[in-house]
Amino acid sequence: MSRRCVRRGAGAVPGRPRHPLRPLCQAVLLIAVALGGCDPTPPQPPPAITLTAVQNGERIDTRVGQSVIVRLPANRGTGYGWDVAPNSTPDLALSSRAYVDADDGGPGVGGADLFVFTVRMRGQGNLVLVYRRAWRKREPAVRRFVVTVVTHTG
């Protein structure tokens, strides 16, 4: 008498039928793996917001983790430059700053001060930058850049 194998493949037991719910369980497991957070890419932060002198006095809406880039005209050759005011909002952390020469780069031609901030926490406050000579901090600023920053979660 020959034994008939009902299941095919490795682990087949002769004469033992396949469990009726096995295909359903396999389908549920496959769907769970496909939809269940197996995405290897982390969520992307919102795109950076770029501000220039045109946005002075405006309000911007941001999200926690978002970058805010501020580019303001400056001429380091005169001794003046932009700086973050002490009363500026603590909701933003200064990530980096740099001075960028103008494209034509001739003598005496200005450039731009570039600031990159990262939004740290939810809230509302003013981002304040002042234009003055670095060694004359007691003198009033020649120019001010103020933007109201409103930060939302997620």
C-alpha atoms as a PDB file:
ATOM      1  CA  MET A   1       0.000   0.000   0.000  1.00  0.00           C
ATOM      2  CA  SER A   2       1.427   3.344  -0.960  1.00  0.00           C
ATOM      3  CA  ARG A   3       1.104   6.339   1.275  1.00  0.00           C
ATOM      4  CA  ARG A   4      -0.079   9.475  -0.378  1.00  0.00           C
ATOM      5  CA  CYS A   5       1.420  12.746   0.690  1.00  0.00           C
ATOM      6  CA  VAL A   6      -1.267  15.439   0.861  1.00  0.00           C
ATOM      7  CA  ARG A   7       1.099  18.377   1.408  1.00  0.00           C
ATOM      8  CA  ARG A   8       3.962  19.000  -0.907  1.00  0.00           C
ATOM      9  CA  GLY A   9       7.366  20.388  -0.063  1.00  0.00           C
ATOM     10  CA  ALA A  10       9.584  20.209   2.990  1.00  0.00           C
ATOM     11  CA  GLY A  11       7.949  19.014   6.166  1.00  0.00           C
ATOM     12  CA  ALA A  12       5.118  17.204   4.393  1.00  0.00           C
ATOM     13  CA  VAL A  13       3.580  14.497   6.491  1.00  0.00           C
ATOM     14  CA  PRO A  14       2.171  11.562   4.565  1.00  0.00           C
ATOM     15  CA  GLY A  15      -1.597  11.166   4.978  1.00  0.00           C
ATOM     16  CA  ARG A  16      -2.046  14.337   7.000  1.00  0.00           C
ATOM     17  CA  PRO A  17      -4.229  17.029   5.386  1.00  0.00           C
ATOM     18  CA  ARG A  18      -3.303  20.728   5.295  1.00  0.00           C
ATOM     19  CA  HIS A  19      -4.920  22.867   8.010  1.00  0.00           C
ATOM     20  CA  PRO A  20      -7.904  24.748   6.509  1.00  0.00           C
ATOM     21  CA  LEU A  21      -6.914  28.142   8.023  1.00  0.00           C
ATOM     22  CA  ARG A  22      -3.289  28.030   6.909  1.00  0.00           C
ATOM     23  CA  PRO A  23      -3.770  30.063   3.689  1.00  0.00           C
ATOM     24  CA  LEU A  24      -5.744  32.679   5.621  1.00  0.00           C
ATOM     25  CA  CYS A  25      -3.059  32.938   8.309  1.00  0.00           C
ATOM     26  CA  GLN A  26      -0.383  33.305   5.653  1.00  0.00           C
ATOM     27  CA  ALA A  27      -2.351  36.086   3.935  1.00  0.00           C
ATOM     28  CA  VAL A  28      -2.894  37.954   7.226  1.00  0.00           C
ATOM     29  CA  LEU A  29       0.797  37.637   8.093  1.00  0.00           C
ATOM     30  CA  LEU A  30       1.813  38.906   4.651  1.00  0.00           C
ATOM     31  CA  ILE A  31      -0.497  41.931   4.923  1.00  0.00           C
ATOM     32  CA  ALA A  32       0.712  42.695   8.464  1.00  0.00           C
ATOM     33  CA  VAL A  33       4.328  42.690   7.327  1.00  0.00           C
ATOM     34  CA  ALA A  34       3.515  44.843   4.308  1.00  0.00           C
ATOM     35  CA  LEU A  35       1.572  47.442   6.261  1.00  0.00           C
ATOM     36  CA  GLY A  36       2.995  47.091   9.742  1.00  0.00           C
ATOM     37  CA  GLY A  37       5.625  49.797   9.979  1.00  0.00           C
ATOM     38  CA  CYS A  38       8.400  47.984   8.188  1.00  0.00           C
ATOM     39  CA  ASP A  39       9.194  51.140   6.248  1.00  0.00           C
ATOM     40  CA  PRO A  40      12.979  51.600   6.536  1.00  0.00           C
ATOM     41  CA  THR A  41      12.864  55.329   5.758  1.00  0.00           C
ATOM     42  CA  PRO A  42      12.395  57.618   8.768  1.00  0.00           C
ATOM     43  CA  PRO A  43       9.840  60.430   8.522  1.00  0.00           C
ATOM     44  CA  GLN A  44      11.247  63.434   6.711  1.00  0.00           C
ATOM     45  CA  PRO A  45      11.350  66.832   8.441  1.00  0.00           C
ATOM     46  CA  PRO A  46       9.331  69.603   6.849  1.00  0.00           C
ATOM     47  CA  PRO A  47      11.169  71.615   4.175  1.00  0.00           C
ATOM     48  CA  ALA A  48      13.312  74.521   5.344  1.00  0.00           C
ATOM     49  CA  ILE A  49      11.906  78.046   5.402  1.00  0.00           C
ATOM     50  CA  THR A  50      14.144  80.699   3.837  1.00  0.00           C
ATOM     51  CA  LEU A  51      13.777  84.307   4.978  1.00  0.00           C
ATOM     52  CA  THR A  52      15.275  87.483   3.527  1.00  0.00           C
ATOM     53  CA  ALA A  53      15.002  91.174   4.375  1.00  0.00           C
ATOM     54  CA  VAL A  54      11.653  91.190   2.538  1.00  0.00           C
ATOM     55  CA  GLN A  55      10.069  89.133   5.356  1.00  0.00           C
ATOM     56  CA  ASN A  56      11.072  91.632   8.071  1.00  0.00           C
ATOM     57  CA  GLY A  57       8.071  92.205  10.355  1.00  0.00           C
ATOM     58  CA  GLU A  58       6.149  89.162   9.153  1.00  0.00           C
ATOM     59  CA  ARG A  59       4.850  86.059  10.935  1.00  0.00           C
ATOM     60  CA  ILE A  60       5.913  82.558   9.954  1.00  0.00           C
ATOM     61  CA  ASP A  61       4.431  79.207  10.927  1.00  0.00           C
ATOM     62  CA  THR A  62       6.900  76.410  11.630  1.00  0.00           C
ATOM     63  CA  ARG A  63       7.015  72.839  12.911  1.00  0.00           C
ATOM     64  CA  VAL A  64       9.312  71.322  15.524  1.00  0.00           C
ATOM     65  CA  GLY A  65      12.491  70.060  13.806  1.00  0.00           C
ATOM     66  CA  GLN A  66      12.127  72.381  10.827  1.00  0.00           C
ATOM     67  CA  SER A  67      15.042  74.539   9.669  1.00  0.00           C
ATOM     68  CA  VAL A  68      14.743  78.302   9.278  1.00  0.00           C
ATOM     69  CA  ILE A  69      17.371  79.933   7.058  1.00  0.00           C
ATOM     70  CA  VAL A  70      17.851  83.704   7.265  1.00  0.00           C
ATOM     71  CA  ARG A  71      19.899  85.487   4.587  1.00  0.00           C
ATOM     72  CA  LEU A  72      20.433  89.222   5.140  1.00  0.00           C
ATOM     73  CA  PRO A  73      22.614  91.654   3.164  1.00  0.00           C
ATOM     74  CA  ALA A  74      25.783  92.704   4.965  1.00  0.00           C
ATOM     75  CA  ASN A  75      29.114  94.344   4.256  1.00  0.00           C
ATOM     76  CA  ARG A  76      31.826  93.035   6.562  1.00  0.00           C
ATOM     77  CA  GLY A  77      34.307  95.490   5.094  1.00  0.00           C
ATOM     78  CA  THR A  78      32.526  98.296   6.987  1.00  0.00           C
ATOM     79  CA  GLY A  79      32.737  96.410  10.268  1.00  0.00           C
ATOM     80  CA  TYR A  80      28.996  95.815  10.404  1.00  0.00           C
ATOM     81  CA  GLY A  81      27.358  92.439  10.595  1.00  0.00           C
ATOM     82  CA  TRP A  82      24.191  90.724  11.759  1.00  0.00           C
ATOM     83  CA  ASP A  83      23.983  89.077  15.168  1.00  0.00           C
ATOM     84  CA  VAL A  84      21.261  87.277  17.129  1.00  0.00           C
ATOM     85  CA  ALA A  85      19.795  89.639  19.733  1.00  0.00           C
ATOM     86  CA  PRO A  86      19.784  88.474  23.379  1.00  0.00           C
ATOM     87  CA  ASN A  87      15.992  88.859  23.532  1.00  0.00           C
ATOM     88  CA  SER A  88      15.446  86.522  20.567  1.00  0.00           C
ATOM     89  CA  THR A  89      13.145  83.519  21.067  1.00  0.00           C
ATOM     90  CA  PRO A  90      14.616  80.432  22.752  1.00  0.00           C
ATOM     91  CA  ASP A  91      12.370  78.252  20.552  1.00  0.00           C
ATOM     92  CA  LEU A  92      15.040  78.385  17.836  1.00  0.00           C
ATOM     93  CA  ALA A  93      18.552  76.995  18.181  1.00  0.00           C
ATOM     94  CA  LEU A  94      21.302  78.509  16.036  1.00  0.00           C
ATOM     95  CA  SER A  95      22.734  75.584  14.052  1.00  0.00           C
ATOM     96  CA  SER A  96      25.220  77.496  11.933  1.00  0.00           C
ATOM     97  CA  ARG A  97      26.136  80.912  10.612  1.00  0.00           C
ATOM     98  CA  ALA A  98      28.361  82.127   7.827  1.00  0.00           C
ATOM     99  CA  TYR A  99      29.234  85.141   5.748  1.00  0.00           C
ATOM    100  CA  VAL A 100      28.795  84.683   2.002  1.00  0.00           C
ATOM    101  CA  ASP A 101      30.579  87.006  -0.441  1.00  0.00           C
ATOM    102  CA  ALA A 102      28.584  88.579  -3.248  1.00  0.00           C
ATOM    103  CA  ASP A 103      28.736  86.835  -6.597  1.00  0.00           C
ATOM    104  CA  ASP A 104      30.685  89.639  -8.288  1.00  0.00           C
ATOM    105  CA  GLY A 105      33.112  89.708  -5.336  1.00  0.00           C
ATOM    106  CA  GLY A 106      34.874  92.982  -6.157  1.00  0.00           C
ATOM    107  CA  PRO A 107      36.558  95.079  -3.450  1.00  0.00           C
ATOM    108  CA  GLY A 108      34.123  96.794  -1.116  1.00  0.00           C
ATOM    109  CA  VAL A 109      31.191  94.803  -2.435  1.00  0.00           C
ATOM    110  CA  GLY A 110      29.048  93.364   0.310  1.00  0.00           C
ATOM    111  CA  GLY A 111      27.663  89.913   0.721  1.00  0.00           C
ATOM    112  CA  ALA A 112      25.206  88.292   3.083  1.00  0.00           C
ATOM    113  CA  ASP A 113      25.105  86.953   6.611  1.00  0.00           C
ATOM    114  CA  LEU A 114      23.548  83.510   6.583  1.00  0.00           C
ATOM    115  CA  PHE A 115      21.966  81.987   9.707  1.00  0.00           C
ATOM    116  CA  VAL A 116      20.496  78.489  10.008  1.00  0.00           C
ATOM    117  CA  PHE A 117      18.190  77.841  12.960  1.00  0.00           C
ATOM    118  CA  THR A 118      16.470  74.634  14.048  1.00  0.00           C
ATOM    119  CA  VAL A 119      13.037  74.866  15.641  1.00  0.00           C
ATOM    120  CA  ARG A 120      13.358  73.218  19.064  1.00  0.00           C
ATOM    121  CA  MET A 121       9.968  73.519  20.733  1.00  0.00           C
ATOM    122  CA  ARG A 122       6.353  74.485  20.293  1.00  0.00           C
ATOM    123  CA  GLY A 123       5.447  78.076  21.105  1.00  0.00           C
ATOM    124  CA  GLN A 124       5.532  81.616  19.831  1.00  0.00           C
ATOM    125  CA  GLY A 125       8.262  84.246  19.977  1.00  0.00           C
ATOM    126  CA  ASN A 126      10.269  86.758  18.002  1.00  0.00           C
ATOM    127  CA  LEU A 127      13.417  85.962  16.092  1.00  0.00           C
ATOM    128  CA  VAL A 128      15.430  89.181  16.416  1.00  0.00           C
ATOM    129  CA  LEU A 129      18.646  89.925  14.516  1.00  0.00           C
ATOM    130  CA  VAL A 130      20.528  93.206  14.842  1.00  0.00           C
ATOM    131  CA  TYR A 131      22.969  94.869  12.435  1.00  0.00           C
ATOM    132  CA  ARG A 132      25.846  96.598  14.193  1.00  0.00           C
ATOM    133  CA  ARG A 133      29.574  96.623  14.722  1.00  0.00           C
ATOM    134  CA  ALA A 134      30.570  93.637  16.815  1.00  0.00           C
ATOM    135  CA  TRP A 135      32.877  95.612  19.115  1.00  0.00           C
ATOM    136  CA  ARG A 136      30.207  98.249  19.875  1.00  0.00           C
ATOM    137  CA  LYS A 137      27.529  96.149  21.525  1.00  0.00           C
ATOM    138  CA  ARG A 138      26.302  98.997  23.758  1.00  0.00           C
ATOM    139  CA  GLU A 139      25.391 101.191  20.799  1.00  0.00           C
ATOM    140  CA  PRO A 140      21.932 100.778  19.292  1.00  0.00           C
ATOM    141  CA  ALA A 141      21.663  98.616  16.204  1.00  0.00           C
ATOM    142  CA  VAL A 142      21.689 100.353  12.840  1.00  0.00           C
ATOM    143  CA  ARG A 143      19.065  97.897  11.532  1.00  0.00           C
ATOM    144  CA  ARG A 144      16.819  95.228  13.033  1.00  0.00           C
ATOM    145  CA  PHE A 145      15.239  92.129  11.538  1.00  0.00           C
ATOM    146  CA  VAL A 146      12.252  90.776  13.479  1.00  0.00           C
ATOM    147  CA  VAL A 147      10.031  87.851  12.536  1.00  0.00           C
ATOM    148  CA  THR A 148       7.317  86.363  14.741  1.00  0.00           C
ATOM    149  CA  VAL A 149       7.762  82.593  14.821  1.00  0.00           C
ATOM    150  CA  VAL A 150       4.747  80.422  15.662  1.00  0.00           C
ATOM    151  CA  THR A 151       5.662  76.766  16.092  1.00  0.00           C
ATOM    152  CA  HIS A 152       3.178  73.910  15.932  1.00  0.00           C
ATOM    153  CA  THR A 153       3.724  70.246  16.785  1.00  0.00           C
ATOM    154  CA  GLY A 154       3.968  67.529  14.171  1.00  0.00           C
END
